[in-house]
Amino acid sequence: MNRCASAAGDLTELVLRLGEASEALARQSRMPEDDFGGESGDAFRSRAARSADTVAEAASDLALLAAALAALGRALEHAAELQAMARRLPPDEAAEARGRADEGERRAQADWRTAVAGYELLEPALVADDDD
């Protein structure tokens, strides 16, 4: 497994954990008033609901980044395989294989940079909410 795949796996694990946290918060937002009533209970349920949405949004954003990183890893592995194959080919065919490998790697790197730039443009989901 290459480092991109490993990192994508780690991000995916984080996405899963964030999903679990979001579900737990959503359950807390539905806590019956009999268990926790009054203004404090209402405030707690309201905050838990908003937090559940925020955490779910962060998970979604990271899932897209993890997918892009996994795609980069697959493309880099394919380029490496083409380069290895090129070493066993006649010169003309080797040059073509190396060219395909280089172009695949360039495309993959550009796609990754686009994914990262898109992620960086997203409103950070997990920031302190000063409204409370």
N, C-alpha and C. Protein backbone atom coordinates (compact mmCIF):
# COMPACT_ATOMS: atom_id res chain seq x y z
N MET A 1 0.85 -1.18 0.00
CA MET A 1 0.00 0.00 0.00
C MET A 1 0.90 1.24 0.00
N ASN A 2 0.57 2.20 -0.87
CA ASN A 2 1.38 3.40 -0.90
C ASN A 2 0.94 4.40 0.17
N ARG A 3 1.72 5.43 0.34
CA ARG A 3 1.44 6.40 1.40
C ARG A 3 0.13 7.14 1.18
N CYS A 4 -0.21 7.42 -0.09
CA CYS A 4 -1.48 8.08 -0.37
C CYS A 4 -2.64 7.21 0.09
N ALA A 5 -2.58 5.93 -0.24
CA ALA A 5 -3.65 5.01 0.15
C ALA A 5 -3.73 4.91 1.67
N SER A 6 -2.60 4.87 2.32
CA SER A 6 -2.58 4.80 3.78
C SER A 6 -3.20 6.06 4.40
N ALA A 7 -2.81 7.21 3.90
CA ALA A 7 -3.36 8.46 4.42
C ALA A 7 -4.85 8.57 4.11
N ALA A 8 -5.25 8.12 2.92
CA ALA A 8 -6.68 8.13 2.57
C ALA A 8 -7.45 7.21 3.50
N GLY A 9 -6.85 6.08 3.85
CA GLY A 9 -7.48 5.17 4.80
C GLY A 9 -7.64 5.82 6.17
N ASP A 10 -6.62 6.55 6.60
CA ASP A 10 -6.69 7.25 7.88
C ASP A 10 -7.79 8.32 7.85
N LEU A 11 -7.87 9.06 6.74
CA LEU A 11 -8.92 10.06 6.62
C LEU A 11 -10.31 9.41 6.62
N THR A 12 -10.41 8.28 5.95
CA THR A 12 -11.69 7.57 5.91
C THR A 12 -12.08 7.10 7.31
N GLU A 13 -11.12 6.64 8.07
CA GLU A 13 -11.39 6.25 9.46
C GLU A 13 -11.89 7.45 10.26
N LEU A 14 -11.28 8.61 10.05
CA LEU A 14 -11.74 9.82 10.72
C LEU A 14 -13.16 10.17 10.29
N VAL A 15 -13.46 10.02 9.00
CA VAL A 15 -14.81 10.28 8.50
C VAL A 15 -15.82 9.38 9.22
N LEU A 16 -15.47 8.12 9.37
CA LEU A 16 -16.36 7.18 10.07
C LEU A 16 -16.57 7.60 11.52
N ARG A 17 -15.50 7.99 12.19
CA ARG A 17 -15.61 8.41 13.59
C ARG A 17 -16.45 9.69 13.71
N LEU A 18 -16.26 10.61 12.77
CA LEU A 18 -17.07 11.83 12.79
C LEU A 18 -18.54 11.50 12.54
N GLY A 19 -18.80 10.54 11.68
CA GLY A 19 -20.18 10.10 11.45
C GLY A 19 -20.80 9.55 12.71
N GLU A 20 -20.03 8.75 13.43
CA GLU A 20 -20.53 8.21 14.70
C GLU A 20 -20.81 9.32 15.71
N ALA A 21 -19.91 10.31 15.75
CA ALA A 21 -20.11 11.43 16.68
C ALA A 21 -21.34 12.23 16.30
N SER A 22 -21.54 12.44 15.00
CA SER A 22 -22.72 13.16 14.54
C SER A 22 -24.01 12.43 14.93
N GLU A 23 -24.00 11.11 14.76
CA GLU A 23 -25.17 10.32 15.14
C GLU A 23 -25.44 10.41 16.64
N ALA A 24 -24.38 10.36 17.44
CA ALA A 24 -24.55 10.46 18.89
C ALA A 24 -25.12 11.83 19.27
N LEU A 25 -24.63 12.87 18.64
CA LEU A 25 -25.15 14.20 18.92
C LEU A 25 -26.61 14.33 18.48
N ALA A 26 -26.93 13.74 17.34
CA ALA A 26 -28.32 13.78 16.87
C ALA A 26 -29.24 13.07 17.87
N ARG A 27 -28.78 11.94 18.42
CA ARG A 27 -29.59 11.24 19.44
C ARG A 27 -29.78 12.14 20.66
N GLN A 28 -28.71 12.81 21.08
CA GLN A 28 -28.81 13.69 22.24
C GLN A 28 -29.75 14.86 21.98
N SER A 29 -29.81 15.30 20.72
CA SER A 29 -30.70 16.41 20.40
C SER A 29 -32.17 16.02 20.51
N ARG A 30 -32.43 14.71 20.53
CA ARG A 30 -33.80 14.22 20.65
C ARG A 30 -34.10 13.70 22.07
N MET A 31 -33.24 14.04 23.00
CA MET A 31 -33.44 13.60 24.39
C MET A 31 -34.79 14.12 24.89
N PRO A 32 -35.58 13.26 25.49
CA PRO A 32 -36.90 13.69 25.97
C PRO A 32 -36.80 14.76 27.06
N GLU A 33 -37.79 15.61 27.08
CA GLU A 33 -37.82 16.65 28.11
C GLU A 33 -37.92 16.05 29.50
N ASP A 34 -38.51 14.85 29.59
CA ASP A 34 -38.60 14.19 30.89
C ASP A 34 -37.21 13.89 31.46
N ASP A 35 -36.23 13.66 30.56
CA ASP A 35 -34.87 13.36 31.00
C ASP A 35 -34.07 14.62 31.32
N PHE A 36 -34.36 15.70 30.57
CA PHE A 36 -33.61 16.95 30.76
C PHE A 36 -34.50 18.07 30.25
N GLY A 37 -35.19 18.71 31.15
CA GLY A 37 -36.20 19.69 30.76
C GLY A 37 -35.77 21.12 30.99
N GLY A 38 -36.73 21.98 30.81
CA GLY A 38 -36.53 23.41 31.04
C GLY A 38 -35.68 24.07 29.97
N GLU A 39 -35.31 25.31 30.27
CA GLU A 39 -34.50 26.07 29.32
C GLU A 39 -33.15 25.43 29.07
N SER A 40 -32.56 24.87 30.11
CA SER A 40 -31.25 24.21 29.95
C SER A 40 -31.36 23.02 29.00
N GLY A 41 -32.39 22.23 29.16
CA GLY A 41 -32.59 21.07 28.29
C GLY A 41 -32.83 21.50 26.85
N ASP A 42 -33.65 22.55 26.68
CA ASP A 42 -33.91 23.06 25.32
C ASP A 42 -32.62 23.56 24.68
N ALA A 43 -31.82 24.31 25.46
CA ALA A 43 -30.55 24.83 24.93
C ALA A 43 -29.61 23.68 24.58
N PHE A 44 -29.58 22.66 25.44
CA PHE A 44 -28.72 21.50 25.19
C PHE A 44 -29.13 20.79 23.90
N ARG A 45 -30.44 20.54 23.75
CA ARG A 45 -30.91 19.84 22.55
C ARG A 45 -30.64 20.65 21.29
N SER A 46 -30.85 21.94 21.38
CA SER A 46 -30.60 22.82 20.24
C SER A 46 -29.13 22.81 19.84
N ARG A 47 -28.26 22.93 20.82
CA ARG A 47 -26.81 22.93 20.56
C ARG A 47 -26.36 21.57 20.03
N ALA A 48 -26.91 20.50 20.57
CA ALA A 48 -26.55 19.16 20.10
C ALA A 48 -26.96 18.98 18.64
N ALA A 49 -28.13 19.49 18.27
CA ALA A 49 -28.59 19.38 16.88
C ALA A 49 -27.68 20.16 15.94
N ARG A 50 -27.32 21.38 16.33
CA ARG A 50 -26.41 22.17 15.48
C ARG A 50 -25.04 21.51 15.39
N SER A 51 -24.57 20.98 16.49
CA SER A 51 -23.27 20.30 16.50
C SER A 51 -23.30 19.06 15.62
N ALA A 52 -24.40 18.32 15.66
CA ALA A 52 -24.53 17.12 14.82
C ALA A 52 -24.42 17.50 13.35
N ASP A 53 -25.08 18.58 12.97
CA ASP A 53 -25.02 19.04 11.57
C ASP A 53 -23.60 19.47 11.20
N THR A 54 -22.94 20.18 12.10
CA THR A 54 -21.58 20.66 11.85
C THR A 54 -20.61 19.50 11.68
N VAL A 55 -20.71 18.52 12.54
CA VAL A 55 -19.81 17.37 12.47
C VAL A 55 -20.10 16.55 11.21
N ALA A 56 -21.36 16.41 10.85
CA ALA A 56 -21.71 15.69 9.61
C ALA A 56 -21.15 16.41 8.39
N GLU A 57 -21.19 17.74 8.40
CA GLU A 57 -20.64 18.52 7.30
C GLU A 57 -19.12 18.33 7.20
N ALA A 58 -18.45 18.34 8.34
CA ALA A 58 -17.00 18.11 8.34
C ALA A 58 -16.67 16.73 7.80
N ALA A 59 -17.46 15.73 8.19
CA ALA A 59 -17.24 14.37 7.70
C ALA A 59 -17.40 14.31 6.19
N SER A 60 -18.41 14.98 5.68
CA SER A 60 -18.65 14.99 4.24
C SER A 60 -17.48 15.64 3.50
N ASP A 61 -17.02 16.76 4.01
CA ASP A 61 -15.89 17.47 3.39
C ASP A 61 -14.64 16.59 3.38
N LEU A 62 -14.37 15.94 4.50
CA LEU A 62 -13.19 15.08 4.58
C LEU A 62 -13.32 13.83 3.73
N ALA A 63 -14.54 13.34 3.55
CA ALA A 63 -14.75 12.17 2.69
C ALA A 63 -14.36 12.49 1.25
N LEU A 64 -14.69 13.68 0.79
CA LEU A 64 -14.30 14.09 -0.56
C LEU A 64 -12.78 14.17 -0.69
N LEU A 65 -12.14 14.70 0.34
CA LEU A 65 -10.68 14.81 0.32
C LEU A 65 -10.04 13.42 0.36
N ALA A 66 -10.58 12.53 1.17
CA ALA A 66 -10.06 11.16 1.24
C ALA A 66 -10.19 10.46 -0.10
N ALA A 67 -11.31 10.64 -0.77
CA ALA A 67 -11.52 10.02 -2.09
C ALA A 67 -10.51 10.56 -3.10
N ALA A 68 -10.27 11.86 -3.05
CA ALA A 68 -9.29 12.45 -3.98
C ALA A 68 -7.89 11.94 -3.71
N LEU A 69 -7.55 11.77 -2.44
CA LEU A 69 -6.23 11.26 -2.09
C LEU A 69 -6.08 9.81 -2.51
N ALA A 70 -7.12 9.02 -2.35
CA ALA A 70 -7.09 7.63 -2.79
C ALA A 70 -6.92 7.55 -4.31
N ALA A 71 -7.61 8.43 -5.02
CA ALA A 71 -7.49 8.47 -6.49
C ALA A 71 -6.07 8.84 -6.90
N LEU A 72 -5.47 9.79 -6.19
CA LEU A 72 -4.07 10.15 -6.46
C LEU A 72 -3.18 8.94 -6.26
N GLY A 73 -3.36 8.23 -5.18
CA GLY A 73 -2.54 7.05 -4.91
C GLY A 73 -2.66 6.01 -6.01
N ARG A 74 -3.90 5.75 -6.46
CA ARG A 74 -4.10 4.77 -7.54
C ARG A 74 -3.42 5.23 -8.83
N ALA A 75 -3.55 6.51 -9.14
CA ALA A 75 -2.93 7.04 -10.37
C ALA A 75 -1.41 6.97 -10.30
N LEU A 76 -0.85 7.26 -9.14
CA LEU A 76 0.61 7.19 -8.99
C LEU A 76 1.11 5.74 -9.10
N GLU A 77 0.34 4.82 -8.53
CA GLU A 77 0.71 3.41 -8.67
C GLU A 77 0.66 2.97 -10.12
N HIS A 78 -0.36 3.41 -10.84
CA HIS A 78 -0.48 3.06 -12.26
C HIS A 78 0.70 3.65 -13.05
N ALA A 79 1.06 4.89 -12.75
CA ALA A 79 2.19 5.52 -13.43
C ALA A 79 3.48 4.75 -13.15
N ALA A 80 3.65 4.31 -11.92
CA ALA A 80 4.85 3.53 -11.57
C ALA A 80 4.86 2.20 -12.32
N GLU A 81 3.71 1.58 -12.45
CA GLU A 81 3.63 0.32 -13.21
C GLU A 81 3.98 0.54 -14.67
N LEU A 82 3.50 1.64 -15.25
CA LEU A 82 3.84 1.96 -16.64
C LEU A 82 5.34 2.21 -16.79
N GLN A 83 5.93 2.91 -15.82
CA GLN A 83 7.37 3.16 -15.87
C GLN A 83 8.15 1.85 -15.78
N ALA A 84 7.72 0.95 -14.93
CA ALA A 84 8.38 -0.35 -14.80
C ALA A 84 8.25 -1.14 -16.09
N MET A 85 7.07 -1.11 -16.68
CA MET A 85 6.85 -1.82 -17.94
C MET A 85 7.72 -1.22 -19.04
N ALA A 86 7.88 0.11 -19.02
CA ALA A 86 8.66 0.79 -20.06
C ALA A 86 10.11 0.31 -20.06
N ARG A 87 10.62 -0.06 -18.90
CA ARG A 87 12.01 -0.53 -18.83
C ARG A 87 12.21 -1.85 -19.56
N ARG A 88 11.12 -2.58 -19.80
CA ARG A 88 11.24 -3.88 -20.48
C ARG A 88 10.85 -3.81 -21.96
N LEU A 89 10.52 -2.63 -22.45
CA LEU A 89 10.04 -2.49 -23.83
C LEU A 89 11.13 -1.97 -24.75
N PRO A 90 10.94 -2.17 -26.06
CA PRO A 90 11.85 -1.53 -27.03
C PRO A 90 11.77 -0.01 -26.89
N PRO A 91 12.81 0.70 -27.29
CA PRO A 91 12.90 2.15 -27.06
C PRO A 91 11.68 2.96 -27.49
N ASP A 92 11.13 2.71 -28.70
CA ASP A 92 9.98 3.49 -29.16
C ASP A 92 8.76 3.26 -28.27
N GLU A 93 8.49 2.01 -27.97
CA GLU A 93 7.35 1.68 -27.12
C GLU A 93 7.58 2.17 -25.69
N ALA A 94 8.83 2.11 -25.25
CA ALA A 94 9.15 2.57 -23.90
C ALA A 94 8.89 4.07 -23.77
N ALA A 95 9.26 4.83 -24.78
CA ALA A 95 9.03 6.28 -24.74
C ALA A 95 7.54 6.58 -24.66
N GLU A 96 6.72 5.83 -25.39
CA GLU A 96 5.27 6.03 -25.34
C GLU A 96 4.72 5.69 -23.96
N ALA A 97 5.17 4.59 -23.39
CA ALA A 97 4.71 4.18 -22.07
C ALA A 97 5.12 5.20 -21.01
N ARG A 98 6.36 5.69 -21.10
CA ARG A 98 6.81 6.71 -20.15
C ARG A 98 5.99 8.00 -20.30
N GLY A 99 5.68 8.34 -21.54
CA GLY A 99 4.86 9.53 -21.79
C GLY A 99 3.47 9.39 -21.18
N ARG A 100 2.86 8.20 -21.33
CA ARG A 100 1.55 7.95 -20.71
C ARG A 100 1.64 8.02 -19.19
N ALA A 101 2.72 7.47 -18.66
CA ALA A 101 2.92 7.50 -17.20
C ALA A 101 3.06 8.94 -16.71
N ASP A 102 3.88 9.72 -17.42
CA ASP A 102 4.09 11.12 -17.02
C ASP A 102 2.79 11.92 -17.12
N GLU A 103 2.04 11.71 -18.20
CA GLU A 103 0.78 12.44 -18.37
C GLU A 103 -0.23 12.03 -17.30
N GLY A 104 -0.31 10.75 -17.00
CA GLY A 104 -1.21 10.29 -15.94
C GLY A 104 -0.85 10.89 -14.60
N GLU A 105 0.44 10.95 -14.32
CA GLU A 105 0.88 11.54 -13.06
C GLU A 105 0.57 13.03 -13.02
N ARG A 106 0.80 13.74 -14.11
CA ARG A 106 0.49 15.18 -14.16
C ARG A 106 -1.00 15.42 -13.92
N ARG A 107 -1.84 14.63 -14.60
CA ARG A 107 -3.29 14.77 -14.42
C ARG A 107 -3.70 14.48 -12.98
N ALA A 108 -3.14 13.42 -12.42
CA ALA A 108 -3.48 13.04 -11.05
C ALA A 108 -3.05 14.14 -10.06
N GLN A 109 -1.87 14.68 -10.25
CA GLN A 109 -1.40 15.75 -9.36
C GLN A 109 -2.29 16.99 -9.50
N ALA A 110 -2.69 17.31 -10.74
CA ALA A 110 -3.57 18.47 -10.96
C ALA A 110 -4.93 18.24 -10.29
N ASP A 111 -5.46 17.03 -10.43
CA ASP A 111 -6.74 16.71 -9.79
C ASP A 111 -6.62 16.83 -8.27
N TRP A 112 -5.51 16.35 -7.72
CA TRP A 112 -5.30 16.44 -6.27
C TRP A 112 -5.22 17.89 -5.83
N ARG A 113 -4.46 18.70 -6.57
CA ARG A 113 -4.34 20.13 -6.21
C ARG A 113 -5.71 20.80 -6.28
N THR A 114 -6.52 20.44 -7.27
CA THR A 114 -7.87 20.99 -7.38
C THR A 114 -8.72 20.59 -6.17
N ALA A 115 -8.62 19.33 -5.76
CA ALA A 115 -9.38 18.85 -4.60
C ALA A 115 -8.95 19.58 -3.33
N VAL A 116 -7.66 19.77 -3.16
CA VAL A 116 -7.16 20.47 -1.97
C VAL A 116 -7.61 21.93 -1.99
N ALA A 117 -7.52 22.56 -3.16
CA ALA A 117 -7.95 23.96 -3.26
C ALA A 117 -9.44 24.08 -2.95
N GLY A 118 -10.23 23.14 -3.45
CA GLY A 118 -11.66 23.15 -3.15
C GLY A 118 -11.93 22.96 -1.68
N TYR A 119 -11.19 22.08 -1.06
CA TYR A 119 -11.34 21.84 0.38
C TYR A 119 -10.98 23.10 1.17
N GLU A 120 -9.92 23.76 0.76
CA GLU A 120 -9.48 24.96 1.46
C GLU A 120 -10.49 26.10 1.32
N LEU A 121 -11.28 26.09 0.26
CA LEU A 121 -12.28 27.13 0.05
C LEU A 121 -13.55 26.90 0.87
N LEU A 122 -13.72 25.68 1.37
CA LEU A 122 -14.91 25.38 2.16
C LEU A 122 -14.89 26.14 3.46
N GLU A 123 -16.06 26.52 3.90
CA GLU A 123 -16.19 27.15 5.22
C GLU A 123 -15.81 26.10 6.26
N PRO A 124 -14.86 26.38 7.13
CA PRO A 124 -14.48 25.39 8.13
C PRO A 124 -15.68 24.99 8.96
N ALA A 125 -15.97 23.72 8.99
CA ALA A 125 -17.15 23.23 9.71
C ALA A 125 -16.91 23.20 11.22
N LEU A 126 -15.73 22.81 11.61
CA LEU A 126 -15.46 22.61 13.04
C LEU A 126 -14.70 23.79 13.63
N VAL A 127 -15.39 24.92 13.73
CA VAL A 127 -14.80 26.10 14.38
C VAL A 127 -15.73 26.52 15.50
N ALA A 128 -15.18 27.24 16.43
CA ALA A 128 -15.99 27.70 17.56
C ALA A 128 -17.14 28.58 17.07
N ASP A 129 -18.31 28.37 17.62
CA ASP A 129 -19.49 29.15 17.28
C ASP A 129 -19.63 30.24 18.34
N ASP A 130 -19.33 31.46 17.96
CA ASP A 130 -19.33 32.56 18.91
C ASP A 130 -20.74 33.08 19.21
N ASP A 131 -21.75 32.52 18.53
CA ASP A 131 -23.11 33.00 18.74
C ASP A 131 -23.70 32.52 20.06
N ASP A 132 -23.08 31.53 20.68
CA ASP A 132 -23.64 30.95 21.91
C ASP A 132 -22.99 31.51 23.14
